[in-house]
Amino acid sequence: MKKAWMELVMAILLLAGVWQISKEGARFVSQRRAGQAVVILDAGHGGSDPGKIGVHGEKEKELNLQITLLLKKKLEKKDVFVILTRDSDEGLYESGSKNKKVQDLQNRVELIHEKKPDCVVSIHQNSYTSPEVKGAQVFYFTHSAEGKKLAEDLQTSLVEGVDPANHRMAKGNTSYYLLKKTDAPAAIVECGFLSNPQEAELLKSKDYQQKLADSICKGILEYIKPDKKSEKTGKTIT
């Protein structure tokens, strides 16, 4: 009887493991056609890391994911192969990790290195001590020429599609881990300031989130025009 019980428990654990692997596979692996552009979308933060907290109590991690999922749908309609670093409120770390933040970032970078995308776009929200500061801004690794091109395409599209009065420009950065550790062209999109009451309210709006997703999509498509797809660098993805 005891042996039969143990066999049942082992069978349940095995099925649970298969389900988990299938779940992860559904997130990261599917069939890509030859010549199809590949984009990794990274919804910043997640799990135990809420990111910035807005003046109305908004959690950055939730807004990041909402915008990322809208952007994914938009890109897929344009025949772009999209990979997400996360598709739910989970971080990329083990529950028992002593430093979840470090492991999370390392795992995101590892995924990017493994998949070799045409570009990486990480979605975030900004914050500042002054509540008057607002506006979307895109960051890239200072020493990446392709990252700069991607960021400039994104910034231009965000200004044109979301807020023509926004005079911010794409900005180089040497400290953001994801940017400096990633080989692929990468950009961090700070969609707005959660410290600005009016902008924080907008960022919660589905219509505004869709407008952001549409504009970011346009910027990505500008960057990955046919002559900029994977064939240009000989990169492949499985």
Protein backbone atom coordinates (compact mmCIF):
# COMPACT_ATOMS: atom_id res chain seq x y z
CA MET A 1 0.00 0.00 0.00
CA LYS A 2 2.81 2.37 0.93
CA LYS A 3 4.63 1.56 -2.32
CA ALA A 4 1.50 2.27 -4.37
CA TRP A 5 1.03 5.59 -2.55
CA MET A 6 4.62 6.63 -3.26
CA GLU A 7 4.21 5.71 -6.93
CA LEU A 8 1.09 7.88 -7.11
CA VAL A 9 2.91 10.83 -5.53
CA MET A 10 5.83 10.45 -7.97
CA ALA A 11 3.43 10.33 -10.91
CA ILE A 12 1.74 13.54 -9.77
CA LEU A 13 5.10 15.28 -9.35
CA LEU A 14 6.18 14.12 -12.80
CA LEU A 15 3.00 15.46 -14.39
CA ALA A 16 3.46 18.76 -12.55
CA GLY A 17 6.98 19.01 -13.90
CA VAL A 18 5.85 18.32 -17.44
CA TRP A 19 3.13 20.97 -17.10
CA GLN A 20 5.66 23.53 -15.86
CA ILE A 21 8.05 22.79 -18.70
CA SER A 22 5.17 23.08 -21.17
CA LYS A 23 4.18 26.39 -19.63
CA GLU A 24 7.71 27.78 -19.97
CA GLY A 25 7.99 26.40 -23.48
CA ALA A 26 4.78 28.11 -24.51
CA ARG A 27 6.22 31.38 -23.31
CA PHE A 28 9.60 31.20 -25.02
CA VAL A 29 9.43 28.62 -27.82
CA SER A 30 7.32 28.44 -30.96
CA GLN A 31 7.89 28.08 -34.67
CA ARG A 32 9.57 30.95 -36.47
CA ARG A 33 9.60 31.18 -40.23
CA ALA A 34 12.83 31.87 -42.07
CA GLY A 35 13.33 35.59 -42.54
CA GLN A 36 10.86 36.59 -39.83
CA ALA A 37 12.09 39.41 -37.60
CA VAL A 38 12.60 38.50 -33.94
CA VAL A 39 11.91 40.89 -31.07
CA ILE A 40 12.23 40.25 -27.35
CA LEU A 41 9.86 42.28 -25.19
CA ASP A 42 10.87 42.66 -21.57
CA ALA A 43 8.24 43.76 -19.06
CA GLY A 44 10.40 45.24 -16.32
CA HIS A 45 10.24 44.02 -12.71
CA GLY A 46 7.63 41.47 -11.59
CA GLY A 47 7.02 39.07 -8.72
CA SER A 48 8.47 40.37 -5.46
CA ASP A 49 9.84 43.45 -7.26
CA PRO A 50 7.02 45.96 -7.85
CA GLY A 51 9.26 48.57 -9.42
CA LYS A 52 8.24 52.16 -8.80
CA ILE A 53 5.03 52.99 -6.95
CA GLY A 54 2.96 55.81 -8.39
CA VAL A 55 1.35 58.72 -6.60
CA HIS A 56 -1.99 56.93 -6.83
CA GLY A 57 -0.55 53.59 -5.71
CA GLU A 58 0.12 52.22 -9.19
CA LYS A 59 2.66 49.40 -9.35
CA GLU A 60 5.12 49.76 -12.17
CA LYS A 61 5.38 46.00 -12.72
CA GLU A 62 1.66 45.80 -13.54
CA LEU A 63 1.68 48.70 -16.00
CA ASN A 64 4.82 47.32 -17.67
CA LEU A 65 3.16 43.97 -18.29
CA GLN A 66 -0.11 45.47 -19.50
CA ILE A 67 1.67 47.61 -22.10
CA THR A 68 3.97 44.75 -23.10
CA LEU A 69 1.07 42.39 -23.79
CA LEU A 70 -0.66 45.01 -25.94
CA LEU A 71 2.59 45.58 -27.80
CA LYS A 72 3.03 41.85 -28.38
CA LYS A 73 -0.38 41.60 -30.04
CA LYS A 74 0.36 44.61 -32.20
CA LEU A 75 3.73 43.28 -33.37
CA GLU A 76 2.39 39.81 -34.09
CA LYS A 77 -0.26 41.34 -36.34
CA LYS A 78 2.67 42.84 -38.25
CA ASP A 79 4.24 39.39 -38.66
CA VAL A 80 6.97 39.87 -36.05
CA PHE A 81 8.11 36.86 -34.01
CA VAL A 82 7.81 37.99 -30.37
CA ILE A 83 9.43 36.46 -27.30
CA LEU A 84 8.48 37.65 -23.80
CA THR A 85 10.77 37.53 -20.79
CA ARG A 86 7.63 37.23 -18.65
CA ASP A 87 3.91 36.98 -19.38
CA SER A 88 2.56 37.11 -15.82
CA ASP A 89 3.36 38.66 -12.44
CA GLU A 90 6.45 36.56 -11.91
CA GLY A 91 10.13 37.38 -11.64
CA LEU A 92 12.83 35.33 -13.35
CA TYR A 93 14.36 33.97 -10.16
CA GLU A 94 14.17 30.96 -7.88
CA SER A 95 12.01 31.37 -4.79
CA GLY A 96 14.95 30.57 -2.50
CA SER A 97 17.40 32.92 -4.18
CA LYS A 98 19.34 35.16 -1.79
CA ASN A 99 19.40 37.99 -4.31
CA LYS A 100 16.31 37.75 -6.48
CA LYS A 101 16.95 41.05 -8.25
CA VAL A 102 20.39 40.03 -9.47
CA GLN A 103 19.25 36.57 -10.55
CA ASP A 104 16.24 38.07 -12.31
CA LEU A 105 18.36 40.42 -14.40
CA GLN A 106 20.94 37.73 -15.15
CA ASN A 107 18.23 35.37 -16.39
CA ARG A 108 16.74 38.04 -18.65
CA VAL A 109 20.15 38.68 -20.19
CA GLU A 110 20.77 34.94 -20.56
CA LEU A 111 17.49 34.55 -22.45
CA ILE A 112 18.45 37.38 -24.79
CA HIS A 113 21.86 35.82 -25.47
CA GLU A 114 20.22 32.47 -26.15
CA LYS A 115 17.57 33.73 -28.57
CA LYS A 116 19.70 36.29 -30.47
CA PRO A 117 16.87 38.66 -31.43
CA ASP A 118 16.99 41.53 -33.89
CA CYS A 119 16.31 43.85 -30.99
CA VAL A 120 15.19 44.01 -27.37
CA VAL A 121 12.71 46.51 -25.96
CA SER A 122 12.29 46.71 -22.20
CA ILE A 123 9.16 48.46 -20.92
CA HIS A 124 9.39 50.56 -17.75
CA GLN A 125 7.86 53.55 -15.96
CA ASN A 126 9.84 56.50 -14.64
CA SER A 127 9.73 58.55 -11.45
CA TYR A 128 11.31 61.75 -10.14
CA THR A 129 11.34 63.89 -7.02
CA SER A 130 9.53 66.73 -8.78
CA PRO A 131 5.89 65.95 -9.67
CA GLU A 132 6.00 68.35 -12.63
CA VAL A 133 8.41 66.20 -14.65
CA LYS A 134 6.72 64.07 -17.32
CA GLY A 135 7.16 62.51 -20.74
CA ALA A 136 8.33 59.26 -22.29
CA GLN A 137 12.05 58.77 -22.83
CA VAL A 138 14.10 55.95 -24.35
CA PHE A 139 17.54 54.84 -23.15
CA TYR A 140 20.27 52.86 -24.89
CA PHE A 141 23.79 51.68 -24.05
CA THR A 142 26.11 54.57 -24.87
CA HIS A 143 28.60 52.39 -26.75
CA SER A 144 26.02 50.62 -28.93
CA ALA A 145 25.51 52.26 -32.33
CA GLU A 146 22.60 49.94 -33.16
CA GLY A 147 21.07 50.47 -29.73
CA LYS A 148 21.16 54.20 -30.38
CA LYS A 149 19.40 53.79 -33.74
CA LEU A 150 16.70 51.66 -32.12
CA ALA A 151 16.22 54.15 -29.28
CA GLU A 152 15.99 57.09 -31.67
CA ASP A 153 13.37 55.33 -33.79
CA LEU A 154 11.36 54.58 -30.64
CA GLN A 155 11.71 58.10 -29.24
CA THR A 156 10.63 59.69 -32.52
CA SER A 157 7.58 57.45 -32.74
CA LEU A 158 6.58 58.10 -29.11
CA VAL A 159 6.81 61.87 -29.56
CA GLU A 160 4.82 61.79 -32.80
CA GLY A 161 2.20 59.31 -31.61
CA VAL A 162 1.75 60.12 -27.93
CA ASP A 163 2.88 63.64 -27.07
CA PRO A 164 4.22 66.06 -29.73
CA ALA A 165 5.01 68.52 -26.92
CA ASN A 166 7.53 66.08 -25.45
CA HIS A 167 10.99 67.43 -26.29
CA ARG A 168 12.94 64.59 -24.70
CA MET A 169 15.53 62.79 -26.82
CA ALA A 170 16.87 59.23 -26.73
CA LYS A 171 19.62 59.15 -24.12
CA GLY A 172 22.77 57.06 -23.75
CA ASN A 173 23.43 55.23 -20.49
CA THR A 174 26.33 53.13 -19.19
CA SER A 175 24.88 51.81 -15.93
CA TYR A 176 21.67 49.93 -16.80
CA TYR A 177 22.52 46.23 -16.47
CA LEU A 178 20.23 44.99 -19.24
CA LEU A 179 21.65 47.48 -21.73
CA LYS A 180 25.35 47.02 -21.02
CA LYS A 181 25.21 43.21 -20.76
CA THR A 182 23.15 42.58 -23.88
CA ASP A 183 24.76 41.91 -27.26
CA ALA A 184 21.60 42.57 -29.26
CA PRO A 185 20.46 46.14 -29.96
CA ALA A 186 18.45 47.07 -26.87
CA ALA A 187 16.45 49.98 -25.53
CA ILE A 188 14.64 50.75 -22.31
CA VAL A 189 11.40 52.65 -22.84
CA GLU A 190 10.36 54.74 -19.84
CA CYS A 191 6.73 55.28 -20.85
CA GLY A 192 6.05 58.10 -18.42
CA PHE A 193 6.43 59.37 -14.87
CA LEU A 194 4.42 57.74 -12.10
CA SER A 195 5.46 60.68 -9.93
CA ASN A 196 3.40 63.04 -12.11
CA PRO A 197 -0.28 62.82 -11.03
CA GLN A 198 -1.72 63.51 -14.49
CA GLU A 199 0.63 61.19 -16.33
CA ALA A 200 0.22 58.44 -13.72
CA GLU A 201 -3.53 58.59 -14.30
CA LEU A 202 -3.03 58.34 -18.05
CA LEU A 203 -0.68 55.37 -17.72
CA LYS A 204 -3.48 53.39 -16.05
CA SER A 205 -5.82 54.06 -18.97
CA LYS A 206 -6.24 51.24 -21.48
CA ASP A 207 -6.63 53.75 -24.31
CA TYR A 208 -3.37 55.48 -23.38
CA GLN A 209 -1.61 52.14 -22.97
CA GLN A 210 -2.78 51.18 -26.45
CA LYS A 211 -1.48 54.47 -27.81
CA LEU A 212 1.90 53.75 -26.23
CA ALA A 213 1.91 50.21 -27.63
CA ASP A 214 1.01 51.48 -31.11
CA SER A 215 3.80 54.06 -31.03
CA ILE A 216 6.42 51.65 -29.70
CA CYS A 217 5.37 49.13 -32.33
CA LYS A 218 5.84 51.74 -35.05
CA GLY A 219 9.32 52.54 -33.76
CA ILE A 220 10.29 48.86 -33.68
CA LEU A 221 9.00 48.32 -37.22
CA GLU A 222 11.01 51.31 -38.40
CA TYR A 223 14.14 49.76 -36.91
CA ILE A 224 13.57 46.22 -38.23
CA LYS A 225 12.84 47.11 -41.82
CA PRO A 226 13.71 44.22 -44.20
CA ASP A 227 17.32 45.34 -44.59
CA LYS A 228 17.73 45.25 -40.79
CA LYS A 229 16.32 41.78 -40.10
CA SER A 230 18.27 38.81 -38.78
CA GLU A 231 19.71 37.95 -42.18
CA LYS A 232 21.75 41.16 -42.00
CA THR A 233 23.83 39.80 -39.15
CA GLY A 234 23.34 36.12 -39.86
CA LYS A 235 21.65 35.62 -36.51
CA THR A 236 19.30 32.70 -36.06
CA ILE A 237 16.80 31.65 -33.43
CA THR A 238 15.33 28.28 -32.53
